[in-house]
Amino acid sequence: MSIATVGGIVQPSEKCLRYIGRVLSPDILDAFMNGVSRITARDIDGQDPDRIVVAMSILAERGMDVTSLIAFVQRDWADVLMSAGLAGADWEAVVADELKR
């Protein structure tokens, strides 16, 4: 799987960006997107960018502070996926369902 990056920065799909705009409250959206713009392909070790960003948005919806969330991804992306329920073999279906919200 190829990771979409620009200058090493992870680029979520347009569909994922629209999803974020729908599910996150306007008061955190700018900070969230600023944080996403600091996540590199190296930070997520080859994982699907939409999977990571959807996991982040799930945790942000649950009230996790955006600054802490970005540090969490950069420290241990696998724990982010586990915390958001996207670590299982069915993650692609779960992400697809989330993106339909």
C-alpha atoms as a PDB file:
ATOM      1  CA  MET A   1       0.000   0.000   0.000  1.00  0.00           C
ATOM      2  CA  SER A   2       1.319   3.399  -0.920  1.00  0.00           C
ATOM      3  CA  ILE A   3       1.086   6.264   1.526  1.00  0.00           C
ATOM      4  CA  ALA A   4       0.033   9.586   0.048  1.00  0.00           C
ATOM      5  CA  THR A   5       2.524  12.180   1.214  1.00  0.00           C
ATOM      6  CA  VAL A   6       3.617  15.642   0.250  1.00  0.00           C
ATOM      7  CA  GLY A   7       7.107  16.421   1.494  1.00  0.00           C
ATOM      8  CA  GLY A   8       6.883  13.431   3.848  1.00  0.00           C
ATOM      9  CA  ILE A   9       3.676  14.714   5.460  1.00  0.00           C
ATOM     10  CA  VAL A  10       0.766  12.265   5.470  1.00  0.00           C
ATOM     11  CA  GLN A  11      -2.151  13.296   3.250  1.00  0.00           C
ATOM     12  CA  PRO A  12      -5.578  11.854   4.102  1.00  0.00           C
ATOM     13  CA  SER A  13      -7.967  11.303   1.206  1.00  0.00           C
ATOM     14  CA  GLU A  14     -10.578  13.886   0.219  1.00  0.00           C
ATOM     15  CA  LYS A  15     -13.253  11.523   1.534  1.00  0.00           C
ATOM     16  CA  CYS A  16     -11.489  11.408   4.897  1.00  0.00           C
ATOM     17  CA  LEU A  17     -11.156  15.200   4.993  1.00  0.00           C
ATOM     18  CA  ARG A  18     -14.898  15.584   4.336  1.00  0.00           C
ATOM     19  CA  TYR A  19     -15.599  13.077   7.141  1.00  0.00           C
ATOM     20  CA  ILE A  20     -13.455  15.059   9.590  1.00  0.00           C
ATOM     21  CA  GLY A  21     -15.364  18.214   8.695  1.00  0.00           C
ATOM     22  CA  ARG A  22     -18.651  16.458   9.445  1.00  0.00           C
ATOM     23  CA  VAL A  23     -17.785  14.730  12.716  1.00  0.00           C
ATOM     24  CA  LEU A  24     -15.486  17.123  14.548  1.00  0.00           C
ATOM     25  CA  SER A  25     -16.774  20.214  16.251  1.00  0.00           C
ATOM     26  CA  PRO A  26     -15.730  23.491  14.640  1.00  0.00           C
ATOM     27  CA  ASP A  27     -13.909  24.573  17.818  1.00  0.00           C
ATOM     28  CA  ILE A  28     -11.293  21.807  17.439  1.00  0.00           C
ATOM     29  CA  LEU A  29     -11.243  21.337  13.670  1.00  0.00           C
ATOM     30  CA  ASP A  30      -8.451  23.818  12.916  1.00  0.00           C
ATOM     31  CA  ALA A  31      -6.213  22.486  15.693  1.00  0.00           C
ATOM     32  CA  PHE A  32      -6.919  18.914  14.570  1.00  0.00           C
ATOM     33  CA  MET A  33      -6.026  19.651  10.943  1.00  0.00           C
ATOM     34  CA  ASN A  34      -2.908  21.524  12.039  1.00  0.00           C
ATOM     35  CA  GLY A  35      -1.912  18.442  14.026  1.00  0.00           C
ATOM     36  CA  VAL A  36      -2.584  16.104  11.113  1.00  0.00           C
ATOM     37  CA  SER A  37      -0.335  18.297   8.972  1.00  0.00           C
ATOM     38  CA  ARG A  38       2.553  17.506  11.345  1.00  0.00           C
ATOM     39  CA  ILE A  39       2.230  13.712  11.091  1.00  0.00           C
ATOM     40  CA  THR A  40       4.798  12.143   8.802  1.00  0.00           C
ATOM     41  CA  ALA A  41       4.854   8.820   6.985  1.00  0.00           C
ATOM     42  CA  ARG A  42       7.656   7.846   9.356  1.00  0.00           C
ATOM     43  CA  ASP A  43       5.403   8.518  12.369  1.00  0.00           C
ATOM     44  CA  ILE A  44       2.821   6.008  11.163  1.00  0.00           C
ATOM     45  CA  ASP A  45       5.225   3.374   9.841  1.00  0.00           C
ATOM     46  CA  GLY A  46       3.455   2.575   6.583  1.00  0.00           C
ATOM     47  CA  GLN A  47      -0.084   2.522   7.936  1.00  0.00           C
ATOM     48  CA  ASP A  48      -2.991   3.748   5.844  1.00  0.00           C
ATOM     49  CA  PRO A  49      -3.324   7.513   6.466  1.00  0.00           C
ATOM     50  CA  ASP A  50      -7.120   7.391   6.511  1.00  0.00           C
ATOM     51  CA  ARG A  51      -7.015   4.631   9.126  1.00  0.00           C
ATOM     52  CA  ILE A  52      -4.803   6.776  11.357  1.00  0.00           C
ATOM     53  CA  VAL A  53      -6.792   9.977  10.829  1.00  0.00           C
ATOM     54  CA  VAL A  54     -10.132   8.255  11.408  1.00  0.00           C
ATOM     55  CA  ALA A  55      -8.727   6.749  14.615  1.00  0.00           C
ATOM     56  CA  MET A  56      -7.576  10.200  15.669  1.00  0.00           C
ATOM     57  CA  SER A  57     -10.985  11.700  14.954  1.00  0.00           C
ATOM     58  CA  ILE A  58     -12.712   8.985  16.985  1.00  0.00           C
ATOM     59  CA  LEU A  59     -10.477   9.788  19.949  1.00  0.00           C
ATOM     60  CA  ALA A  60     -10.983  13.540  19.461  1.00  0.00           C
ATOM     61  CA  GLU A  61     -14.760  12.995  19.451  1.00  0.00           C
ATOM     62  CA  ARG A  62     -14.369  11.177  22.762  1.00  0.00           C
ATOM     63  CA  GLY A  63     -12.716  14.268  24.180  1.00  0.00           C
ATOM     64  CA  MET A  64      -8.996  13.644  23.819  1.00  0.00           C
ATOM     65  CA  ASP A  65      -7.063  16.897  23.637  1.00  0.00           C
ATOM     66  CA  VAL A  66      -5.684  17.483  20.136  1.00  0.00           C
ATOM     67  CA  THR A  67      -2.146  18.254  21.336  1.00  0.00           C
ATOM     68  CA  SER A  68      -2.086  15.028  23.345  1.00  0.00           C
ATOM     69  CA  LEU A  69      -3.558  13.146  20.411  1.00  0.00           C
ATOM     70  CA  ILE A  70      -0.812  14.250  18.010  1.00  0.00           C
ATOM     71  CA  ALA A  71       1.867  13.308  20.548  1.00  0.00           C
ATOM     72  CA  PHE A  72       0.105   9.945  21.025  1.00  0.00           C
ATOM     73  CA  VAL A  73       0.239   9.206  17.275  1.00  0.00           C
ATOM     74  CA  GLN A  74       3.873  10.208  17.046  1.00  0.00           C
ATOM     75  CA  ARG A  75       4.762   8.088  20.073  1.00  0.00           C
ATOM     76  CA  ASP A  76       2.776   4.919  19.295  1.00  0.00           C
ATOM     77  CA  TRP A  77       0.400   4.769  16.340  1.00  0.00           C
ATOM     78  CA  ALA A  78      -0.545   1.164  17.200  1.00  0.00           C
ATOM     79  CA  ASP A  79      -1.942   2.213  20.576  1.00  0.00           C
ATOM     80  CA  VAL A  80      -3.939   4.934  18.830  1.00  0.00           C
ATOM     81  CA  LEU A  81      -5.522   2.301  16.585  1.00  0.00           C
ATOM     82  CA  MET A  82      -6.253   0.038  19.551  1.00  0.00           C
ATOM     83  CA  SER A  83      -7.773   2.885  21.561  1.00  0.00           C
ATOM     84  CA  ALA A  84     -10.064   3.817  18.674  1.00  0.00           C
ATOM     85  CA  GLY A  85     -11.124   0.239  17.878  1.00  0.00           C
ATOM     86  CA  LEU A  86      -9.284   0.091  14.550  1.00  0.00           C
ATOM     87  CA  ALA A  87      -6.622  -2.478  15.367  1.00  0.00           C
ATOM     88  CA  GLY A  88      -8.596  -5.557  14.339  1.00  0.00           C
ATOM     89  CA  ALA A  89      -8.503  -7.437  11.068  1.00  0.00           C
ATOM     90  CA  ASP A  90     -11.801  -5.748  10.132  1.00  0.00           C
ATOM     91  CA  TRP A  91     -10.316  -2.235  10.269  1.00  0.00           C
ATOM     92  CA  GLU A  92     -10.993  -1.532   6.581  1.00  0.00           C
ATOM     93  CA  ALA A  93     -14.718  -2.185   7.015  1.00  0.00           C
ATOM     94  CA  VAL A  94     -14.816  -0.129  10.221  1.00  0.00           C
ATOM     95  CA  VAL A  95     -13.059   2.808   8.517  1.00  0.00           C
ATOM     96  CA  ALA A  96     -15.412   2.536   5.513  1.00  0.00           C
ATOM     97  CA  ASP A  97     -18.422   2.633   7.868  1.00  0.00           C
ATOM     98  CA  GLU A  98     -17.007   5.652   9.712  1.00  0.00           C
ATOM     99  CA  LEU A  99     -16.391   7.514   6.466  1.00  0.00           C
ATOM    100  CA  LYS A 100     -20.099   7.090   5.594  1.00  0.00           C
ATOM    101  CA  ARG A 101     -21.192   8.961   8.737  1.00  0.00           C
END
